[in-house]
Structure formats: structure tokens, C-alpha cells
């Protein structure tokens, strides 16, 4: 069975997944690890909705709010300054902040996967996409997306990640 972190890295690298996740993160405040977690659980025959979604969101909220978001903001600001000033030193600093951000995301992945014991992956990719879309829609609605946008984005991301 593929662990969550490996799943997340593999799926995030697929064409279209990273831009979609970052857009949902920037526009809705969605947690990328949580989005990918919904897909991982769907690939193993489960939905993450209701109490399971609230529990998963609670597990990562403190780390997201107090570490990951500030690191991301600092990295992006440092990268903009490096580009504007043509500064290799600032570019290197942005790279170090990226490594810290990835370490925090790996910790989030560990928090999400802790206690999860998904079964063997079902062979029906269409069913996995449908489960992922249900979970992602619930997650995006919890982030404040309207139901129409949540449904559209969930279907899009589920297709990219689980397709």
C-alpha cells in the first residue's frame, strides 16, 4: 500500500494538479494536503465527509495557521524581492523557506495519515473519482466555496488526481 506522503508527491506532480491545488489554496484557503488526503482515502474506497472531514481539518488547522501559511507568505515575499532585486542571496533564502514549507507539509501529511488504515485500492477508477469528488466538494464548501463552485472544482481536481 502506498503511504499518503508518497501518494501526495506523485499526484501533485501530475499535469494540472499543482496549479489547481494552489488556486484553491489561494482563492479559498483550502489546505493542499487535505485536498490530496481526500483523494488518497477515495483511492482506497473511502469518503472524507461529515465528522471525518471535520476531524481531519482540526488535525491540521493549528499547524496550517501558525506555521505553514506564514512560511508560504514569507517564501513568496522573499521570492518576489529576489526577483525584483536580482538577488541570489534572497533567492537562496526563498529556497530555504521552500524546504521548511515542504517539511511542514510532510508533517501535515503525517498528522492526516495517522490512524488512517485505508484498505486495498479498488480497481474501479470511476468510483474512486466519484468518492474523491464527494469528499473534495465537502472540503471546499467547508472552506467557504459556494456549492456550484465547490462541485465544479471538486470534479476537476478529482479528475486530475484520480484519473
Protein backbone atom coordinates (compact mmCIF):
# COMPACT_ATOMS: atom_id res chain seq x y z
CA UNK A 1 0.00 0.00 0.00
CA UNK A 2 1.30 3.44 -0.93
CA UNK A 3 1.64 5.82 2.01
CA UNK A 4 -0.09 9.15 1.95
CA UNK A 5 3.06 11.27 1.56
CA UNK A 6 4.21 9.26 -1.46
CA UNK A 7 0.71 9.42 -2.94
CA UNK A 8 0.63 13.20 -2.41
CA UNK A 9 4.02 13.74 -4.07
CA UNK A 10 3.16 11.54 -7.02
CA UNK A 11 -0.27 13.03 -7.63
CA UNK A 12 0.81 16.65 -7.05
CA UNK A 13 3.41 16.18 -9.82
CA UNK A 14 0.74 15.18 -12.36
CA UNK A 15 -0.06 17.76 -15.05
CA UNK A 16 -2.58 20.33 -13.84
CA UNK A 17 -2.78 19.17 -10.22
CA UNK A 18 -0.37 21.72 -8.68
CA UNK A 19 -1.94 24.79 -10.36
CA UNK A 20 -5.43 23.59 -9.44
CA UNK A 21 -4.46 22.99 -5.79
CA UNK A 22 -2.61 26.31 -5.48
CA UNK A 23 -5.57 28.19 -6.95
CA UNK A 24 -7.91 26.57 -4.43
CA UNK A 25 -5.41 27.35 -1.68
CA UNK A 26 -5.01 30.99 -2.68
CA UNK A 27 -8.63 31.75 -3.53
CA UNK A 28 -10.46 29.66 -0.92
CA UNK A 29 -7.89 28.99 1.78
CA UNK A 30 -8.03 25.25 1.04
CA UNK A 31 -5.30 23.10 2.55
CA UNK A 32 -3.46 21.28 -0.24
CA UNK A 33 -2.56 18.31 1.96
CA UNK A 34 -6.19 17.96 2.99
CA UNK A 35 -7.33 18.03 -0.65
CA UNK A 36 -4.85 15.30 -1.54
CA UNK A 37 -5.79 13.35 1.59
CA UNK A 38 -9.41 13.28 0.41
CA UNK A 39 -8.20 11.79 -2.88
CA UNK A 40 -5.93 9.25 -1.15
CA UNK A 41 -8.77 8.00 1.00
CA UNK A 42 -11.06 7.88 -2.06
CA UNK A 43 -8.49 5.79 -3.92
CA UNK A 44 -8.78 3.32 -1.04
CA UNK A 45 -12.55 3.13 -1.08
CA UNK A 46 -13.47 5.80 1.46
CA UNK A 47 -15.12 9.21 1.54
CA UNK A 48 -13.97 12.00 3.85
CA UNK A 49 -17.13 13.89 4.70
CA UNK A 50 -19.03 14.96 7.80
CA UNK A 51 -17.32 14.11 11.08
CA UNK A 52 -14.32 12.53 9.33
CA UNK A 53 -13.71 15.75 7.39
CA UNK A 54 -14.11 17.94 10.48
CA UNK A 55 -11.64 15.72 12.36
CA UNK A 56 -9.09 15.85 9.53
CA UNK A 57 -9.44 19.63 9.27
CA UNK A 58 -8.94 20.00 13.02
CA UNK A 59 -5.79 17.85 12.93
CA UNK A 60 -4.03 20.23 10.54
CA UNK A 61 -5.54 23.62 11.43
CA UNK A 62 -3.05 24.72 14.09
CA UNK A 63 -0.01 23.73 12.03
CA UNK A 64 -1.53 25.31 8.93
CA UNK A 65 -2.42 28.60 10.63
CA UNK A 66 0.70 29.06 12.77
CA UNK A 67 3.44 27.57 10.61
CA UNK A 68 2.55 26.69 7.04
CA UNK A 69 0.71 29.86 5.97
CA UNK A 70 3.34 32.19 7.49
CA UNK A 71 6.15 30.17 5.85
CA UNK A 72 4.37 30.32 2.49
CA UNK A 73 3.82 34.08 2.79
CA UNK A 74 7.47 34.63 3.74
CA UNK A 75 8.71 32.43 0.88
CA UNK A 76 6.56 34.22 -1.67
CA UNK A 77 7.60 37.66 -0.41
CA UNK A 78 11.26 36.65 -0.41
CA UNK A 79 10.94 35.25 -3.94
CA UNK A 80 9.31 38.48 -5.17
CA UNK A 81 12.08 40.54 -3.56
CA UNK A 82 14.76 38.26 -5.03
CA UNK A 83 13.25 38.64 -8.49
CA UNK A 84 12.81 42.40 -8.19
CA UNK A 85 16.32 42.96 -6.90
CA UNK A 86 18.05 40.20 -8.84
CA UNK A 87 19.45 38.94 -5.55
CA UNK A 88 20.97 35.45 -5.46
CA UNK A 89 21.13 35.66 -1.65
CA UNK A 90 17.39 36.32 -1.41
CA UNK A 91 16.72 33.57 -3.97
CA UNK A 92 18.69 31.15 -1.79
CA UNK A 93 16.67 32.31 1.22
CA UNK A 94 13.45 31.62 -0.68
CA UNK A 95 14.78 28.14 -1.43
CA UNK A 96 15.45 27.50 2.26
CA UNK A 97 11.95 28.71 3.12
CA UNK A 98 10.55 26.33 0.50
CA UNK A 99 12.37 23.44 2.17
CA UNK A 100 10.89 24.44 5.54
CA UNK A 101 7.45 24.70 3.95
CA UNK A 102 7.79 21.21 2.46
CA UNK A 103 8.86 19.84 5.85
CA UNK A 104 5.74 21.38 7.41
CA UNK A 105 3.58 19.86 4.67
CA UNK A 106 5.17 16.47 5.31
CA UNK A 107 4.29 16.86 8.98
CA UNK A 108 0.71 17.68 7.98
CA UNK A 109 0.64 14.56 5.82
CA UNK A 110 1.78 12.53 8.81
CA UNK A 111 -0.92 14.07 11.01
CA UNK A 112 -3.58 13.30 8.43
CA UNK A 113 -2.45 9.74 7.77
CA UNK A 114 -2.04 8.90 11.47
CA UNK A 115 -4.72 6.45 12.41
CA UNK A 116 -5.97 6.06 8.85
CA UNK A 117 -5.87 2.49 7.69
CA UNK A 118 -7.28 2.52 4.20
CA UNK A 119 -7.84 -0.86 2.66
CA UNK A 120 -6.55 -2.05 -0.67
CA UNK A 121 -7.16 0.25 -3.56
CA UNK A 122 -10.29 -0.73 -5.50
CA UNK A 123 -9.81 -1.27 -9.22
CA UNK A 124 -12.67 0.98 -10.31
CA UNK A 125 -11.10 4.37 -11.07
CA UNK A 126 -14.51 5.90 -11.84
CA UNK A 127 -15.78 5.05 -8.36
CA UNK A 128 -12.60 6.49 -6.81
CA UNK A 129 -13.10 9.74 -8.76
CA UNK A 130 -16.71 9.92 -7.58
CA UNK A 131 -15.70 9.36 -3.93
CA UNK A 132 -12.93 11.94 -4.27
CA UNK A 133 -15.32 14.46 -5.84
CA UNK A 134 -17.78 13.99 -2.96
CA UNK A 135 -15.07 14.50 -0.36
CA UNK A 136 -13.46 17.42 -2.17
CA UNK A 137 -16.82 19.14 -2.59
CA UNK A 138 -17.45 18.86 1.15
CA UNK A 139 -13.94 20.15 1.87
CA UNK A 140 -14.29 23.13 -0.47
CA UNK A 141 -17.71 24.01 0.90
CA UNK A 142 -16.17 23.95 4.40
CA UNK A 143 -13.63 26.49 3.06
CA UNK A 144 -16.48 28.77 2.04
CA UNK A 145 -16.89 27.92 -1.62
CA UNK A 146 -20.43 28.12 -2.89
CA UNK A 147 -21.96 24.79 -3.78
CA UNK A 148 -21.72 25.34 -7.55
CA UNK A 149 -18.04 26.27 -7.45
CA UNK A 150 -17.26 23.55 -4.92
CA UNK A 151 -18.90 20.94 -7.16
CA UNK A 152 -17.11 22.16 -10.30
CA UNK A 153 -13.67 22.40 -8.66
CA UNK A 154 -14.13 19.06 -6.90
CA UNK A 155 -14.94 17.30 -10.16
CA UNK A 156 -11.98 18.97 -11.86
CA UNK A 157 -9.46 18.10 -9.15
CA UNK A 158 -10.81 14.57 -8.70
CA UNK A 159 -10.36 14.00 -12.43
CA UNK A 160 -6.78 15.26 -12.34
CA UNK A 161 -5.73 13.36 -9.22
CA UNK A 162 -7.73 10.15 -9.59
CA UNK A 163 -7.84 9.94 -13.37
